[in-house]
Amino acid sequence: MKNLLLLHGSYGDPNKNWYQYIGVKAQEKGYSVNIPRLPYIDKLDFDETFNFLFDQRFITNETTVIGHSSGAAYILGILQRLPKDIIIQKAILVAGFVDADLTERLFQEVPKEHYYKLFPKKWNWEKIKTSCRKFVIVQSVNDPYIQMRHAKTLEEKLNGELVILPGALHFSVNAGGKRFKEFPELLRYI
């Protein structure tokens, strides 16, 4: 059965932002939907989060996964570590990033050291690409936390489709207001 896994970002919550809106719309399209509350949302820890998600069996060959901010970085790590017999359908990376070189404005809100356990020592882009059939990278040019270079790197390394949404900031209520309780632009990529 086709399923959707949606991963929130640091200091996130399954009920924040557009996550529930996307979940309802995906269910209407016939998806089974999981939007788990991730562990270690303040001091991000990839190993622990991977174990949590894999133990829950959220990820199958029928999975489409959406990650917002650090949730997108988690997706990359998950794909790098998936067994070879699991190839997910689609990864949608919203305001994703590939390293902890982010903006100073972000580090005024979240200390840089909270990102140190989020990334592997080295990305294995070939393994990541072979673990997913299609990549969509969604970014805003005026994101106050994530520089555009991250989206360009993801587009290049993953041969993904880059979607730039002007004026969307960080695709969050905190950065962009109540407009991000919904995210209808994302529906066409699910």
N, C-alpha and C. Protein backbone atom coordinates (compact mmCIF):
# COMPACT_ATOMS: atom_id res chain seq x y z
N MET A 1 0.84 -1.19 0.00
CA MET A 1 0.00 0.00 0.00
C MET A 1 0.88 1.24 0.00
N LYS A 2 0.54 2.22 -0.85
CA LYS A 2 1.35 3.44 -0.88
C LYS A 2 1.19 4.20 0.42
N ASN A 3 2.31 4.71 0.89
CA ASN A 3 2.29 5.41 2.17
C ASN A 3 3.15 6.66 2.10
N LEU A 4 2.80 7.60 2.96
CA LEU A 4 3.52 8.87 3.06
C LEU A 4 4.08 9.00 4.47
N LEU A 5 5.35 9.30 4.54
CA LEU A 5 6.03 9.58 5.81
C LEU A 5 6.47 11.03 5.76
N LEU A 6 6.06 11.81 6.75
CA LEU A 6 6.42 13.23 6.79
C LEU A 6 7.24 13.49 8.04
N LEU A 7 8.44 14.04 7.86
CA LEU A 7 9.37 14.31 8.95
C LEU A 7 9.50 15.81 9.20
N HIS A 8 9.14 16.21 10.40
CA HIS A 8 9.26 17.63 10.77
C HIS A 8 10.72 17.98 11.06
N GLY A 9 10.97 19.27 11.24
CA GLY A 9 12.32 19.74 11.50
C GLY A 9 12.63 19.86 12.98
N SER A 10 13.80 20.43 13.29
CA SER A 10 14.21 20.60 14.69
C SER A 10 13.22 21.49 15.43
N TYR A 11 13.04 21.18 16.68
CA TYR A 11 12.06 21.85 17.54
C TYR A 11 10.66 21.78 16.94
N GLY A 12 10.45 20.81 16.05
CA GLY A 12 9.18 20.66 15.37
C GLY A 12 8.19 19.79 16.11
N ASP A 13 7.06 19.63 15.45
CA ASP A 13 5.95 18.91 16.05
C ASP A 13 5.04 18.49 14.90
N PRO A 14 4.47 17.29 14.94
CA PRO A 14 3.58 16.85 13.86
C PRO A 14 2.37 17.74 13.64
N ASN A 15 2.01 18.54 14.62
CA ASN A 15 0.83 19.40 14.51
C ASN A 15 1.16 20.83 14.11
N LYS A 16 2.43 21.11 13.89
CA LYS A 16 2.84 22.45 13.47
C LYS A 16 2.79 22.58 11.96
N ASN A 17 2.82 23.81 11.53
CA ASN A 17 2.97 24.14 10.12
C ASN A 17 1.92 23.43 9.26
N TRP A 18 2.31 22.96 8.10
CA TRP A 18 1.44 22.39 7.07
C TRP A 18 1.35 20.88 7.12
N TYR A 19 1.92 20.26 8.12
CA TYR A 19 2.06 18.81 8.12
C TYR A 19 0.71 18.09 8.14
N GLN A 20 -0.20 18.50 9.01
CA GLN A 20 -1.50 17.84 9.07
C GLN A 20 -2.31 18.09 7.80
N TYR A 21 -2.20 19.28 7.25
CA TYR A 21 -2.87 19.61 6.00
C TYR A 21 -2.42 18.64 4.90
N ILE A 22 -1.12 18.45 4.76
CA ILE A 22 -0.60 17.54 3.74
C ILE A 22 -1.04 16.11 4.05
N GLY A 23 -1.04 15.74 5.31
CA GLY A 23 -1.47 14.39 5.68
C GLY A 23 -2.90 14.11 5.27
N VAL A 24 -3.80 15.03 5.52
CA VAL A 24 -5.21 14.87 5.15
C VAL A 24 -5.35 14.76 3.63
N LYS A 25 -4.67 15.66 2.91
CA LYS A 25 -4.77 15.65 1.45
C LYS A 25 -4.17 14.36 0.86
N ALA A 26 -3.10 13.85 1.45
CA ALA A 26 -2.50 12.60 0.97
C ALA A 26 -3.44 11.42 1.24
N GLN A 27 -4.11 11.42 2.38
CA GLN A 27 -5.09 10.37 2.66
C GLN A 27 -6.21 10.39 1.63
N GLU A 28 -6.63 11.59 1.23
CA GLU A 28 -7.65 11.71 0.20
C GLU A 28 -7.18 11.13 -1.13
N LYS A 29 -5.88 11.08 -1.34
CA LYS A 29 -5.31 10.50 -2.56
C LYS A 29 -5.01 9.01 -2.40
N GLY A 30 -5.40 8.44 -1.26
CA GLY A 30 -5.23 7.00 -1.05
C GLY A 30 -3.98 6.57 -0.32
N TYR A 31 -3.26 7.50 0.26
CA TYR A 31 -2.05 7.16 1.01
C TYR A 31 -2.38 6.82 2.46
N SER A 32 -1.63 5.89 2.99
CA SER A 32 -1.55 5.70 4.43
C SER A 32 -0.51 6.74 4.89
N VAL A 33 -0.80 7.47 5.96
CA VAL A 33 0.05 8.61 6.34
C VAL A 33 0.61 8.42 7.76
N ASN A 34 1.91 8.69 7.90
CA ASN A 34 2.56 8.72 9.20
C ASN A 34 3.31 10.04 9.35
N ILE A 35 3.00 10.75 10.43
CA ILE A 35 3.69 11.99 10.76
C ILE A 35 4.14 11.85 12.22
N PRO A 36 5.22 11.11 12.44
CA PRO A 36 5.63 10.84 13.82
C PRO A 36 6.28 12.04 14.50
N ARG A 37 6.14 12.07 15.81
CA ARG A 37 6.90 13.03 16.62
C ARG A 37 8.30 12.44 16.74
N LEU A 38 9.27 13.12 16.16
CA LEU A 38 10.63 12.59 16.15
C LEU A 38 11.31 12.80 17.49
N PRO A 39 12.15 11.85 17.88
CA PRO A 39 12.93 12.03 19.11
C PRO A 39 14.08 13.00 18.84
N TYR A 40 14.64 13.53 19.90
CA TYR A 40 15.83 14.38 19.80
C TYR A 40 15.59 15.58 18.87
N ILE A 41 14.48 16.28 19.07
CA ILE A 41 14.16 17.39 18.17
C ILE A 41 14.97 18.64 18.47
N ASP A 42 15.59 18.69 19.66
CA ASP A 42 16.41 19.86 19.96
C ASP A 42 17.87 19.59 19.61
N LYS A 43 18.48 18.58 20.20
CA LYS A 43 19.84 18.19 19.84
C LYS A 43 19.72 17.00 18.89
N LEU A 44 19.69 17.28 17.62
CA LEU A 44 19.41 16.29 16.59
C LEU A 44 20.41 15.14 16.64
N ASP A 45 19.91 13.92 16.50
CA ASP A 45 20.76 12.74 16.55
C ASP A 45 20.29 11.79 15.46
N PHE A 46 21.02 11.72 14.37
CA PHE A 46 20.60 10.89 13.25
C PHE A 46 20.50 9.42 13.62
N ASP A 47 21.50 8.87 14.28
CA ASP A 47 21.50 7.44 14.59
C ASP A 47 20.25 7.04 15.37
N GLU A 48 19.94 7.78 16.41
CA GLU A 48 18.76 7.47 17.22
C GLU A 48 17.47 7.63 16.43
N THR A 49 17.40 8.66 15.61
CA THR A 49 16.20 8.90 14.82
C THR A 49 16.03 7.82 13.75
N PHE A 50 17.12 7.42 13.11
CA PHE A 50 17.05 6.34 12.12
C PHE A 50 16.52 5.08 12.77
N ASN A 51 17.07 4.72 13.92
CA ASN A 51 16.62 3.50 14.61
C ASN A 51 15.13 3.59 14.94
N PHE A 52 14.69 4.74 15.43
CA PHE A 52 13.28 4.94 15.76
C PHE A 52 12.40 4.73 14.52
N LEU A 53 12.75 5.35 13.41
CA LEU A 53 11.93 5.25 12.20
C LEU A 53 11.97 3.85 11.59
N PHE A 54 13.14 3.24 11.57
CA PHE A 54 13.25 1.92 10.96
C PHE A 54 12.55 0.87 11.82
N ASP A 55 12.64 1.00 13.13
CA ASP A 55 11.95 0.06 14.02
C ASP A 55 10.43 0.14 13.86
N GLN A 56 9.93 1.31 13.52
CA GLN A 56 8.48 1.49 13.34
C GLN A 56 8.00 0.97 11.99
N ARG A 57 8.92 0.60 11.12
CA ARG A 57 8.61 0.09 9.78
C ARG A 57 7.80 1.09 8.95
N PHE A 58 8.16 2.35 9.08
CA PHE A 58 7.52 3.41 8.30
C PHE A 58 7.97 3.42 6.85
N ILE A 59 9.10 2.78 6.55
CA ILE A 59 9.73 2.93 5.24
C ILE A 59 9.68 1.61 4.47
N THR A 60 9.01 1.64 3.31
CA THR A 60 8.89 0.48 2.44
C THR A 60 9.16 0.91 1.01
N ASN A 61 9.06 -0.03 0.09
CA ASN A 61 9.21 0.28 -1.33
C ASN A 61 8.07 1.15 -1.85
N GLU A 62 7.00 1.29 -1.11
CA GLU A 62 5.84 2.09 -1.53
C GLU A 62 5.81 3.47 -0.87
N THR A 63 6.89 3.85 -0.21
CA THR A 63 6.91 5.09 0.57
C THR A 63 7.28 6.30 -0.27
N THR A 64 6.53 7.37 -0.03
CA THR A 64 6.94 8.72 -0.42
C THR A 64 7.25 9.42 0.90
N VAL A 65 8.38 10.06 0.97
CA VAL A 65 8.76 10.73 2.21
C VAL A 65 8.96 12.21 1.95
N ILE A 66 8.44 13.02 2.87
CA ILE A 66 8.61 14.47 2.82
C ILE A 66 9.36 14.88 4.08
N GLY A 67 10.40 15.66 3.92
CA GLY A 67 11.13 16.17 5.07
C GLY A 67 11.24 17.68 4.99
N HIS A 68 10.99 18.32 6.12
CA HIS A 68 11.08 19.78 6.21
C HIS A 68 12.31 20.14 7.03
N SER A 69 13.19 20.96 6.46
CA SER A 69 14.36 21.46 7.14
C SER A 69 15.26 20.30 7.58
N SER A 70 15.50 20.13 8.88
CA SER A 70 16.35 19.01 9.30
C SER A 70 15.69 17.68 8.99
N GLY A 71 14.36 17.64 8.84
CA GLY A 71 13.68 16.42 8.39
C GLY A 71 14.16 16.00 7.02
N ALA A 72 14.50 16.97 6.16
CA ALA A 72 15.05 16.66 4.84
C ALA A 72 16.45 16.06 4.97
N ALA A 73 17.24 16.58 5.89
CA ALA A 73 18.57 16.01 6.12
C ALA A 73 18.45 14.58 6.65
N TYR A 74 17.47 14.34 7.51
CA TYR A 74 17.23 12.97 7.98
C TYR A 74 16.93 12.04 6.81
N ILE A 75 16.14 12.51 5.84
CA ILE A 75 15.82 11.68 4.69
C ILE A 75 17.10 11.25 3.97
N LEU A 76 17.99 12.18 3.74
CA LEU A 76 19.24 11.84 3.06
C LEU A 76 20.00 10.75 3.81
N GLY A 77 20.10 10.90 5.12
CA GLY A 77 20.79 9.90 5.93
C GLY A 77 20.10 8.56 5.91
N ILE A 78 18.77 8.58 5.94
CA ILE A 78 18.00 7.33 5.88
C ILE A 78 18.26 6.62 4.56
N LEU A 79 18.21 7.37 3.46
CA LEU A 79 18.43 6.76 2.15
C LEU A 79 19.84 6.20 2.03
N GLN A 80 20.78 6.86 2.65
CA GLN A 80 22.17 6.38 2.62
C GLN A 80 22.31 5.07 3.38
N ARG A 81 21.46 4.85 4.37
CA ARG A 81 21.59 3.69 5.24
C ARG A 81 20.56 2.58 4.95
N LEU A 82 19.61 2.81 4.08
CA LEU A 82 18.59 1.79 3.80
C LEU A 82 19.21 0.52 3.24
N PRO A 83 18.61 -0.63 3.58
CA PRO A 83 19.04 -1.87 2.93
C PRO A 83 18.82 -1.76 1.42
N LYS A 84 19.62 -2.47 0.64
CA LYS A 84 19.56 -2.36 -0.83
C LYS A 84 18.23 -2.80 -1.40
N ASP A 85 17.48 -3.64 -0.69
CA ASP A 85 16.21 -4.12 -1.23
C ASP A 85 15.05 -3.15 -1.02
N ILE A 86 15.30 -2.03 -0.37
CA ILE A 86 14.26 -1.01 -0.20
C ILE A 86 14.62 0.20 -1.06
N ILE A 87 13.75 0.49 -2.00
CA ILE A 87 13.88 1.66 -2.86
C ILE A 87 12.57 2.42 -2.77
N ILE A 88 12.59 3.58 -2.12
CA ILE A 88 11.35 4.33 -1.93
C ILE A 88 10.94 5.00 -3.24
N GLN A 89 9.69 5.41 -3.31
CA GLN A 89 9.14 6.01 -4.52
C GLN A 89 9.64 7.44 -4.75
N LYS A 90 9.57 8.26 -3.69
CA LYS A 90 9.87 9.68 -3.88
C LYS A 90 10.33 10.29 -2.57
N ALA A 91 11.28 11.23 -2.69
CA ALA A 91 11.71 12.04 -1.56
C ALA A 91 11.49 13.50 -1.92
N ILE A 92 10.75 14.19 -1.07
CA ILE A 92 10.49 15.62 -1.26
C ILE A 92 11.19 16.35 -0.13
N LEU A 93 12.20 17.14 -0.49
CA LEU A 93 13.06 17.81 0.48
C LEU A 93 12.69 19.29 0.51
N VAL A 94 12.04 19.72 1.57
CA VAL A 94 11.56 21.10 1.70
C VAL A 94 12.51 21.86 2.61
N ALA A 95 13.16 22.89 2.07
CA ALA A 95 14.14 23.68 2.83
C ALA A 95 15.22 22.78 3.42
N GLY A 96 15.69 21.85 2.60
CA GLY A 96 16.70 20.90 3.05
C GLY A 96 18.10 21.48 3.03
N PHE A 97 18.99 20.81 3.73
CA PHE A 97 20.39 21.25 3.76
C PHE A 97 21.30 20.05 3.92
N VAL A 98 22.57 20.22 3.54
CA VAL A 98 23.50 19.10 3.47
C VAL A 98 24.63 19.16 4.50
N ASP A 99 24.75 20.28 5.21
CA ASP A 99 25.77 20.42 6.24
C ASP A 99 25.32 21.49 7.23
N ALA A 100 26.12 21.69 8.26
CA ALA A 100 25.75 22.63 9.33
C ALA A 100 26.20 24.06 9.05
N ASP A 101 26.62 24.35 7.84
CA ASP A 101 26.98 25.71 7.46
C ASP A 101 25.70 26.44 7.04
N LEU A 102 24.97 26.90 8.02
CA LEU A 102 23.68 27.55 7.81
C LEU A 102 23.81 29.03 8.16
N THR A 103 22.72 29.76 8.24
CA THR A 103 22.81 31.20 8.46
C THR A 103 23.00 31.56 9.93
N GLU A 104 23.59 32.69 10.15
CA GLU A 104 23.77 33.18 11.52
C GLU A 104 22.42 33.43 12.19
N ARG A 105 21.43 33.83 11.42
CA ARG A 105 20.10 34.04 11.99
C ARG A 105 19.56 32.75 12.61
N LEU A 106 19.79 31.62 11.94
CA LEU A 106 19.35 30.35 12.51
C LEU A 106 20.07 30.08 13.82
N PHE A 107 21.38 30.32 13.83
CA PHE A 107 22.16 30.00 15.01
C PHE A 107 21.85 30.93 16.19
N GLN A 108 21.16 32.03 15.94
CA GLN A 108 20.66 32.85 17.04
C GLN A 108 19.48 32.17 17.72
N GLU A 109 18.80 31.29 17.00
CA GLU A 109 17.64 30.57 17.53
C GLU A 109 17.97 29.15 17.96
N VAL A 110 18.84 28.48 17.20
CA VAL A 110 19.22 27.10 17.47
C VAL A 110 20.74 27.02 17.44
N PRO A 111 21.38 26.63 18.53
CA PRO A 111 22.85 26.57 18.53
C PRO A 111 23.40 25.63 17.47
N LYS A 112 24.49 26.03 16.85
CA LYS A 112 25.10 25.25 15.77
C LYS A 112 25.44 23.83 16.22
N GLU A 113 25.89 23.70 17.47
CA GLU A 113 26.28 22.37 17.94
C GLU A 113 25.11 21.38 17.99
N HIS A 114 23.88 21.87 17.92
CA HIS A 114 22.72 20.98 17.90
C HIS A 114 22.62 20.21 16.59
N TYR A 115 23.39 20.59 15.59
CA TYR A 115 23.36 19.94 14.28
C TYR A 115 24.50 18.95 14.06
N TYR A 116 25.43 18.85 14.99
CA TYR A 116 26.62 18.06 14.77
C TYR A 116 26.36 16.57 14.57
N LYS A 117 25.32 16.00 15.19
CA LYS A 117 25.04 14.57 15.06
C LYS A 117 24.01 14.28 13.97
N LEU A 118 23.71 15.27 13.15
CA LEU A 118 22.72 15.11 12.09
C LEU A 118 23.31 14.53 10.82
N PHE A 119 24.59 14.74 10.58
CA PHE A 119 25.21 14.39 9.30
C PHE A 119 26.22 13.26 9.44
N PRO A 120 26.34 12.43 8.39
CA PRO A 120 27.42 11.43 8.40
C PRO A 120 28.75 12.13 8.14
N LYS A 121 29.82 11.42 8.34
CA LYS A 121 31.14 12.00 8.04
C LYS A 121 31.25 12.37 6.57
N LYS A 122 30.59 11.56 5.71
CA LYS A 122 30.61 11.83 4.27
C LYS A 122 29.31 11.32 3.67
N TRP A 123 28.73 12.11 2.78
CA TRP A 123 27.54 11.67 2.06
C TRP A 123 27.94 10.70 0.95
N ASN A 124 27.18 9.63 0.82
CA ASN A 124 27.35 8.68 -0.28
C ASN A 124 26.20 8.96 -1.26
N TRP A 125 26.42 9.90 -2.16
CA TRP A 125 25.36 10.36 -3.06
C TRP A 125 24.87 9.25 -3.97
N GLU A 126 25.74 8.36 -4.39
CA GLU A 126 25.31 7.26 -5.27
C GLU A 126 24.35 6.34 -4.53
N LYS A 127 24.66 6.01 -3.29
CA LYS A 127 23.76 5.15 -2.50
C LYS A 127 22.43 5.86 -2.26
N ILE A 128 22.47 7.14 -1.94
CA ILE A 128 21.25 7.91 -1.72
C ILE A 128 20.39 7.88 -2.98
N LYS A 129 21.00 8.11 -4.14
CA LYS A 129 20.24 8.13 -5.40
C LYS A 129 19.64 6.76 -5.72
N THR A 130 20.35 5.69 -5.42
CA THR A 130 19.82 4.37 -5.75
C THR A 130 18.76 3.90 -4.76
N SER A 131 18.55 4.62 -3.68
CA SER A 131 17.55 4.25 -2.68
C SER A 131 16.21 4.95 -2.90
N CYS A 132 16.11 5.76 -3.96
CA CYS A 132 14.90 6.53 -4.20
C CYS A 132 14.72 6.72 -5.70
N ARG A 133 13.48 6.58 -6.15
CA ARG A 133 13.18 6.69 -7.59
C ARG A 133 13.14 8.14 -8.09
N LYS A 134 12.71 9.08 -7.24
CA LYS A 134 12.56 10.47 -7.70
C LYS A 134 12.78 11.42 -6.53
N PHE A 135 13.46 12.53 -6.83
CA PHE A 135 13.73 13.57 -5.83
C PHE A 135 13.11 14.89 -6.28
N VAL A 136 12.48 15.57 -5.33
CA VAL A 136 11.97 16.92 -5.54
C VAL A 136 12.56 17.78 -4.43
N ILE A 137 13.20 18.86 -4.80
CA ILE A 137 13.82 19.79 -3.85
C ILE A 137 13.02 21.09 -3.91
N VAL A 138 12.46 21.49 -2.77
CA VAL A 138 11.62 22.69 -2.70
C VAL A 138 12.34 23.73 -1.84
N GLN A 139 12.56 24.91 -2.41
CA GLN A 139 13.32 25.94 -1.70
C GLN A 139 12.75 27.32 -2.01
N SER A 140 12.98 28.23 -1.10
CA SER A 140 12.64 29.64 -1.29
C SER A 140 13.93 30.45 -1.30
N VAL A 141 14.00 31.42 -2.19
CA VAL A 141 15.22 32.23 -2.27
C VAL A 141 15.40 33.14 -1.07
N ASN A 142 14.32 33.39 -0.32
CA ASN A 142 14.45 34.28 0.83
C ASN A 142 14.35 33.53 2.16
N ASP A 143 14.75 32.26 2.17
CA ASP A 143 14.78 31.49 3.41
C ASP A 143 15.78 32.14 4.36
N PRO A 144 15.35 32.52 5.56
CA PRO A 144 16.28 33.19 6.48
C PRO A 144 17.28 32.25 7.15
N TYR A 145 17.10 30.92 6.99
CA TYR A 145 17.94 29.95 7.68
C TYR A 145 18.82 29.12 6.76
N ILE A 146 18.32 28.85 5.56
CA ILE A 146 18.99 27.91 4.65
C ILE A 146 19.39 28.64 3.37
N GLN A 147 20.66 28.66 3.08
CA GLN A 147 21.14 29.32 1.87
C GLN A 147 20.76 28.50 0.63
N MET A 148 20.61 29.19 -0.47
CA MET A 148 20.22 28.57 -1.74
C MET A 148 21.24 27.53 -2.22
N ARG A 149 22.48 27.65 -1.79
CA ARG A 149 23.51 26.70 -2.23
C ARG A 149 23.15 25.26 -1.85
N HIS A 150 22.42 25.09 -0.74
CA HIS A 150 22.03 23.74 -0.33
C HIS A 150 21.09 23.11 -1.36
N ALA A 151 20.11 23.87 -1.81
CA ALA A 151 19.17 23.37 -2.82
C ALA A 151 19.89 23.05 -4.13
N LYS A 152 20.83 23.91 -4.50
CA LYS A 152 21.59 23.68 -5.73
C LYS A 152 22.44 22.42 -5.62
N THR A 153 23.04 22.20 -4.45
CA THR A 153 23.82 20.98 -4.22
C THR A 153 22.92 19.75 -4.32
N LEU A 154 21.75 19.81 -3.70
CA LEU A 154 20.83 18.67 -3.75
C LEU A 154 20.38 18.40 -5.18
N GLU A 155 20.06 19.45 -5.90
CA GLU A 155 19.65 19.29 -7.30
C GLU A 155 20.74 18.59 -8.11
N GLU A 156 21.97 19.05 -7.94
CA GLU A 156 23.09 18.49 -8.69
C GLU A 156 23.41 17.06 -8.28
N LYS A 157 23.53 16.81 -6.99
CA LYS A 157 23.95 15.50 -6.50
C LYS A 157 22.89 14.43 -6.70
N LEU A 158 21.60 14.82 -6.67
CA LEU A 158 20.52 13.85 -6.74
C LEU A 158 19.82 13.80 -8.09
N ASN A 159 20.25 14.67 -9.01
CA ASN A 159 19.53 14.80 -10.28
C ASN A 159 18.05 15.02 -10.01
N GLY A 160 17.77 15.84 -9.02
CA GLY A 160 16.39 16.09 -8.61
C GLY A 160 15.77 17.27 -9.32
N GLU A 161 14.47 17.37 -9.16
CA GLU A 161 13.72 18.51 -9.70
C GLU A 161 13.73 19.62 -8.66
N LEU A 162 14.27 20.77 -9.01
CA LEU A 162 14.33 21.90 -8.10
C LEU A 162 13.11 22.80 -8.34
N VAL A 163 12.36 23.01 -7.27
CA VAL A 163 11.17 23.86 -7.31
C VAL A 163 11.45 25.06 -6.40
N ILE A 164 11.48 26.24 -6.99
CA ILE A 164 11.72 27.45 -6.20
C ILE A 164 10.40 28.19 -6.04
N LEU A 165 10.01 28.38 -4.79
CA LEU A 165 8.78 29.10 -4.49
C LEU A 165 9.16 30.46 -3.91
N PRO A 166 8.96 31.53 -4.65
CA PRO A 166 9.37 32.85 -4.18
C PRO A 166 8.56 33.30 -2.96
N GLY A 167 9.25 33.99 -2.06
CA GLY A 167 8.59 34.59 -0.90
C GLY A 167 8.09 33.61 0.14
N ALA A 168 8.55 32.38 0.12
CA ALA A 168 8.04 31.37 1.04
C ALA A 168 8.86 31.25 2.33
N LEU A 169 9.92 32.04 2.44
CA LEU A 169 10.77 32.01 3.62
C LEU A 169 11.19 30.58 3.94
N HIS A 170 10.90 30.09 5.16
CA HIS A 170 11.32 28.75 5.57
C HIS A 170 10.15 27.76 5.57
N PHE A 171 9.06 28.11 4.88
CA PHE A 171 7.90 27.22 4.78
C PHE A 171 7.37 26.86 6.16
N SER A 172 7.37 27.83 7.07
CA SER A 172 6.93 27.56 8.43
C SER A 172 6.10 28.72 8.97
N VAL A 173 5.27 28.41 9.94
CA VAL A 173 4.46 29.43 10.60
C VAL A 173 5.36 30.43 11.31
N ASN A 174 6.44 29.94 11.94
CA ASN A 174 7.35 30.84 12.65
C ASN A 174 7.96 31.88 11.73
N ALA A 175 8.34 31.48 10.52
CA ALA A 175 8.99 32.41 9.60
C ALA A 175 8.02 33.12 8.68
N GLY A 176 6.94 32.42 8.27
CA GLY A 176 6.06 32.97 7.23
C GLY A 176 4.62 33.22 7.64
N GLY A 177 4.28 32.98 8.91
CA GLY A 177 2.93 33.25 9.38
C GLY A 177 1.94 32.13 9.09
N LYS A 178 0.67 32.43 9.37
CA LYS A 178 -0.40 31.42 9.28
C LYS A 178 -0.58 30.83 7.89
N ARG A 179 -0.06 31.50 6.89
CA ARG A 179 -0.14 30.98 5.53
C ARG A 179 0.40 29.55 5.47
N PHE A 180 1.35 29.22 6.35
CA PHE A 180 1.96 27.89 6.32
C PHE A 180 1.30 26.88 7.24
N LYS A 181 0.04 27.12 7.58
CA LYS A 181 -0.78 26.06 8.16
C LYS A 181 -1.24 25.14 7.03
N GLU A 182 -1.16 25.64 5.79
CA GLU A 182 -1.46 24.86 4.60
C GLU A 182 -0.30 25.03 3.63
N PHE A 183 -0.21 24.12 2.67
CA PHE A 183 0.86 24.19 1.69
C PHE A 183 0.36 23.56 0.39
N PRO A 184 -0.64 24.17 -0.25
CA PRO A 184 -1.24 23.58 -1.43
C PRO A 184 -0.26 23.41 -2.60
N GLU A 185 0.76 24.25 -2.69
CA GLU A 185 1.75 24.14 -3.77
C GLU A 185 2.47 22.80 -3.76
N LEU A 186 2.57 22.20 -2.57
CA LEU A 186 3.31 20.93 -2.44
C LEU A 186 2.51 19.73 -2.95
N LEU A 187 1.19 19.87 -2.99
CA LEU A 187 0.34 18.72 -3.33
C LEU A 187 0.63 18.14 -4.69
N ARG A 188 1.00 18.96 -5.64
CA ARG A 188 1.22 18.44 -7.00
C ARG A 188 2.43 17.52 -7.09
N TYR A 189 3.30 17.53 -6.07
CA TYR A 189 4.51 16.70 -6.11
C TYR A 189 4.36 15.38 -5.36
N ILE A 190 3.23 15.21 -4.70
CA ILE A 190 3.00 13.96 -3.94
C ILE A 190 2.46 12.89 -4.88
